Amino acid sequence: MKNQTENLLNVKSVLEQLGVGRTTLWRLTKKENGLPYVRIGSRKLFKVQDIN
C-alpha cells in the first residue's frame, strides 16, 4: 500500500503547496472539471501531478 500512496498528497500538504485554505480547496474539488482526488477510507488524497 505504501508504494501506491507515495505519489499522493494529503489535504494539509496540498493546502501548503497551493497556499489556500480548506474552504477554497473544497470549492476547487466541487467545480465541474475541478481538482480530482482519491478517497482512501476517510482521507482525501491528491495526485502530485494534479497539484503541480
Protein backbone atom coordinates (compact mmCIF):
# COMPACT_ATOMS: atom_id res chain seq x y z
CA MET A 1 0.00 0.00 0.00
CA LYS A 2 2.91 2.35 0.70
CA ASN A 3 4.02 2.27 -2.96
CA GLN A 4 0.53 3.18 -4.11
CA THR A 5 0.31 6.22 -1.84
CA GLU A 6 3.81 7.58 -2.50
CA ASN A 7 2.58 9.84 -5.29
CA LEU A 8 -0.37 11.11 -3.28
CA LEU A 9 -0.58 14.18 -1.05
CA ASN A 10 -2.85 14.65 1.93
CA VAL A 11 -5.05 17.72 2.36
CA LYS A 12 -2.57 19.52 4.63
CA SER A 13 0.25 19.16 2.09
CA VAL A 14 -1.97 20.41 -0.74
CA LEU A 15 -3.03 23.43 1.32
CA GLU A 16 0.62 24.32 1.95
CA GLN A 17 1.65 23.86 -1.69
CA LEU A 18 -1.25 25.84 -3.14
CA GLY A 19 -1.30 28.44 -0.38
CA VAL A 20 -5.08 28.24 0.01
CA GLY A 21 -7.48 27.47 2.85
CA ARG A 22 -9.63 24.38 3.36
CA THR A 23 -12.75 26.09 2.05
CA THR A 24 -11.02 27.12 -1.18
CA LEU A 25 -9.65 23.60 -1.66
CA TRP A 26 -13.14 22.18 -1.10
CA ARG A 27 -14.53 24.56 -3.74
CA LEU A 28 -11.79 23.55 -6.18
CA THR A 29 -12.78 19.89 -5.81
CA LYS A 30 -16.50 20.60 -6.24
CA LYS A 31 -16.24 22.54 -9.52
CA GLU A 32 -17.07 20.78 -12.77
CA ASN A 33 -13.69 19.62 -14.09
CA GLY A 34 -12.33 20.51 -10.66
CA LEU A 35 -9.31 19.20 -8.82
CA PRO A 36 -9.56 15.38 -8.72
CA TYR A 37 -8.88 13.41 -5.57
CA VAL A 38 -8.93 9.83 -4.33
CA ARG A 39 -10.68 8.72 -1.16
CA ILE A 40 -8.96 6.07 0.90
CA GLY A 41 -11.10 5.43 3.93
CA SER A 42 -11.97 8.84 5.30
CA ARG A 43 -8.89 10.53 3.81
CA LYS A 44 -8.85 12.64 0.66
CA LEU A 45 -5.60 12.29 -1.25
CA PHE A 46 -4.47 14.22 -4.30
CA LYS A 47 -2.09 13.06 -7.03
CA VAL A 48 1.17 15.02 -7.06
CA GLN A 49 0.96 15.59 -10.84
CA ASP A 50 -2.52 17.15 -10.45
CA ILE A 51 -1.18 19.69 -7.94
CA ASN A 52 1.95 20.68 -9.87
